[in-house]
Amino acid sequence: MELIISSKGHKYFVTDKKGRPLYSVKKKGFGAGKYVLLDARNYHLYSLVSVGEERKPAFNISHNDRGIIGLTCKSMFLDPTIIVKGKDTSGSEVNYALASKDHRNFDIIIPQPPKEDSEEDEESSEDEGKVGSIKTMLTASGDFQYEIEIENKIFDDFIPLFAVAIDLAFGDMNRG
């Protein structure tokens, strides 16, 4: 599945690759605030709330005002990574790492348990556990656009909020 997230100020618009609107994300309140994910019919699905500080951003994704998933920035500069952990609305475990080398392009990875085999394959693929990616691009207007590519079986409605969290955590750094 491929999604395009376009930012305009404090609003984000999520479309498929054919340009059909799927979701929108709008800021509610003042200050750090809360970002609300709405479907195409303006039904409130999830909220992204900033709970961290500027030096170590952290966010919660909530459903019906109950925090279900935490996003914690583990590193801002060397190997920037956001850890995503919690449970989705069905109670299934959510465990991802959004990992980058350049603050712009992130891999969506499901962390793999360590191999019990003492003879680890030294040429194991770097893409092991990768289920998608988020690419940051600068538009002609100076706003960021994010392209999410993710396996269909992994996709959930809260996935576009990953791009919003990346924009809030690394956007100023990428603009500078």
Protein backbone atom coordinates (compact mmCIF):
# COMPACT_ATOMS: atom_id res chain seq x y z
CA MET A 1 0.00 0.00 0.00
CA GLU A 2 1.27 3.46 -0.86
CA LEU A 3 0.12 6.68 0.82
CA ILE A 4 1.07 10.31 0.25
CA ILE A 5 0.91 12.66 3.26
CA SER A 6 1.02 16.33 2.35
CA SER A 7 1.53 18.94 5.04
CA LYS A 8 0.12 22.45 4.94
CA GLY A 9 0.89 24.31 8.15
CA HIS A 10 -0.59 22.23 10.98
CA LYS A 11 -2.78 20.11 8.70
CA TYR A 12 -1.92 16.91 6.89
CA PHE A 13 -3.80 15.35 4.01
CA VAL A 14 -3.47 11.63 3.28
CA THR A 15 -4.19 10.35 -0.22
CA ASP A 16 -3.53 7.15 -2.10
CA LYS A 17 -1.13 7.22 -5.03
CA LYS A 18 -4.03 8.07 -7.38
CA GLY A 19 -4.79 11.21 -5.35
CA ARG A 20 -7.99 9.98 -3.69
CA PRO A 21 -8.43 11.45 -0.18
CA LEU A 22 -8.30 8.82 2.58
CA TYR A 23 -7.59 10.70 5.82
CA SER A 24 -6.82 14.12 7.20
CA VAL A 25 -4.92 15.07 10.33
CA LYS A 26 -5.76 18.34 12.06
CA LYS A 27 -4.24 20.05 15.06
CA LYS A 28 -6.58 20.64 17.98
CA GLY A 29 -5.80 23.07 20.75
CA PHE A 30 -2.89 25.42 21.30
CA GLY A 31 0.77 24.76 22.10
CA ALA A 32 2.13 21.27 21.50
CA GLY A 33 -1.47 20.18 21.21
CA LYS A 34 -3.10 17.15 19.86
CA TYR A 35 -3.39 15.97 16.27
CA VAL A 36 -6.59 14.17 15.31
CA LEU A 37 -6.73 11.57 12.51
CA LEU A 38 -10.04 11.72 10.62
CA ASP A 39 -11.19 9.41 7.86
CA ALA A 40 -12.58 10.71 4.55
CA ARG A 41 -16.02 11.18 6.18
CA ASN A 42 -14.51 13.19 9.10
CA TYR A 43 -14.98 10.35 11.58
CA HIS A 44 -12.43 10.65 14.44
CA LEU A 45 -10.23 7.55 14.39
CA TYR A 46 -7.12 8.27 16.50
CA SER A 47 -5.27 11.13 18.18
CA LEU A 48 -1.54 11.80 18.37
CA VAL A 49 -0.56 13.66 21.53
CA SER A 50 2.90 15.04 22.27
CA VAL A 51 4.05 13.84 25.69
CA GLY A 52 7.80 14.36 25.44
CA GLU A 53 10.12 17.30 25.41
CA GLU A 54 11.88 19.00 22.52
CA ARG A 55 15.19 17.20 23.18
CA LYS A 56 13.58 13.72 23.29
CA PRO A 57 10.20 13.81 21.56
CA ALA A 58 7.60 11.26 22.60
CA PHE A 59 3.99 10.79 21.54
CA ASN A 60 0.97 8.71 22.41
CA ILE A 61 -1.59 7.46 19.95
CA SER A 62 -4.96 7.30 21.63
CA HIS A 63 -8.30 5.85 20.65
CA ASN A 64 -11.43 7.14 22.40
CA ASP A 65 -9.17 9.22 24.69
CA ARG A 66 -7.32 6.11 25.90
CA GLY A 67 -3.60 5.87 25.15
CA ILE A 68 -2.89 2.64 23.29
CA ILE A 69 0.45 3.11 21.51
CA GLY A 70 3.59 4.99 22.56
CA LEU A 71 6.14 6.49 20.16
CA THR A 72 9.49 7.33 21.75
CA CYS A 73 12.41 8.95 19.97
CA LYS A 74 15.47 6.95 21.03
CA SER A 75 18.00 8.96 19.03
CA MET A 76 17.77 12.34 17.33
CA PHE A 77 21.18 12.55 15.63
CA LEU A 78 23.13 9.30 15.27
CA ASP A 79 20.89 6.68 13.67
CA PRO A 80 17.60 8.54 14.35
CA THR A 81 15.03 6.03 15.58
CA ILE A 82 11.48 6.17 16.91
CA ILE A 83 10.30 3.10 18.83
CA VAL A 84 6.58 2.31 18.51
CA LYS A 85 5.07 -0.02 21.16
CA GLY A 86 1.64 -0.76 22.50
CA LYS A 87 -1.56 -2.55 21.58
CA ASP A 88 -3.98 -1.72 18.78
CA THR A 89 -7.74 -1.45 19.27
CA SER A 90 -8.15 -5.24 18.94
CA GLY A 91 -5.55 -5.85 21.67
CA SER A 92 -2.84 -7.13 19.30
CA GLU A 93 0.75 -6.18 20.07
CA VAL A 94 2.20 -3.27 18.06
CA ASN A 95 5.99 -3.21 17.88
CA TYR A 96 7.87 -1.19 15.24
CA ALA A 97 11.07 0.73 14.90
CA LEU A 98 11.15 3.72 12.54
CA ALA A 99 14.85 3.82 11.71
CA SER A 100 16.82 6.28 9.58
CA LYS A 101 20.35 7.30 8.73
CA ASP A 102 19.57 10.83 7.51
CA HIS A 103 16.46 12.15 9.41
CA ARG A 104 14.50 12.05 6.14
CA ASN A 105 14.03 8.49 4.98
CA PHE A 106 12.83 5.96 7.54
CA ASP A 107 12.41 2.21 7.35
CA ILE A 108 9.44 0.67 9.15
CA ILE A 109 10.87 -2.39 10.85
CA ILE A 110 9.35 -5.10 12.98
CA PRO A 111 12.20 -5.97 15.35
CA GLN A 112 13.26 -9.58 15.00
CA PRO A 113 14.06 -11.65 18.08
CA PRO A 114 17.74 -12.53 18.36
CA LYS A 115 18.73 -15.79 16.71
CA GLU A 116 19.49 -18.62 19.10
CA ASP A 117 21.90 -20.07 16.58
CA SER A 118 25.48 -19.40 17.71
CA GLU A 119 26.67 -19.42 14.11
CA GLU A 120 24.88 -16.27 12.95
CA ASP A 121 24.93 -15.60 9.26
CA GLU A 122 27.22 -12.60 8.96
CA GLU A 123 25.71 -11.72 5.60
CA SER A 124 22.15 -11.51 6.92
CA SER A 125 20.10 -8.97 5.09
CA GLU A 126 19.94 -5.45 6.47
CA ASP A 127 16.29 -5.43 5.33
CA GLU A 128 15.35 -8.28 7.69
CA GLY A 129 12.12 -7.29 9.42
CA LYS A 130 11.51 -4.31 7.10
CA VAL A 131 7.81 -4.00 6.26
CA GLY A 132 7.75 -0.52 4.77
CA SER A 133 9.31 2.89 4.45
CA ILE A 134 8.55 6.57 4.96
CA LYS A 135 10.30 9.00 2.61
CA THR A 136 10.45 12.76 3.19
CA MET A 137 10.35 15.08 0.21
CA LEU A 138 10.30 18.87 0.00
CA THR A 139 7.61 20.33 -2.27
CA ALA A 140 7.99 23.44 -4.43
CA SER A 141 6.00 25.41 -1.84
CA GLY A 142 8.52 24.52 0.87
CA ASP A 143 6.21 22.13 2.71
CA PHE A 144 7.10 18.50 3.37
CA GLN A 145 5.41 15.57 1.73
CA TYR A 146 5.78 12.03 3.06
CA GLU A 147 5.44 8.85 1.05
CA ILE A 148 4.56 5.75 3.02
CA GLU A 149 4.96 2.38 1.43
CA ILE A 150 3.86 -0.52 3.64
CA GLU A 151 2.84 -4.14 3.20
CA ASN A 152 -0.95 -4.44 2.98
CA LYS A 153 -1.15 -7.07 5.74
CA ILE A 154 0.70 -4.73 8.15
CA PHE A 155 -1.29 -1.55 7.40
CA ASP A 156 -3.55 -0.11 10.09
CA ASP A 157 -5.39 3.24 10.20
CA PHE A 158 -2.89 4.73 12.69
CA ILE A 159 0.11 4.30 10.32
CA PRO A 160 -0.24 7.84 8.78
CA LEU A 161 0.38 9.22 12.28
CA PHE A 162 3.94 7.85 12.02
CA ALA A 163 4.67 10.46 9.33
CA VAL A 164 3.14 13.20 11.51
CA ALA A 165 5.35 12.12 14.43
CA ILE A 166 8.42 12.19 12.14
CA ASP A 167 7.45 15.68 10.97
CA LEU A 168 6.99 16.92 14.54
CA ALA A 169 10.24 15.32 15.76
CA PHE A 170 12.55 15.93 12.79
CA GLY A 171 10.76 18.56 10.65
CA ASP A 172 12.61 21.60 12.01
CA MET A 173 15.93 19.77 11.67
CA ASN A 174 15.12 18.88 8.04
CA ARG A 175 14.03 22.44 7.23
CA GLY A 176 17.29 23.90 8.60
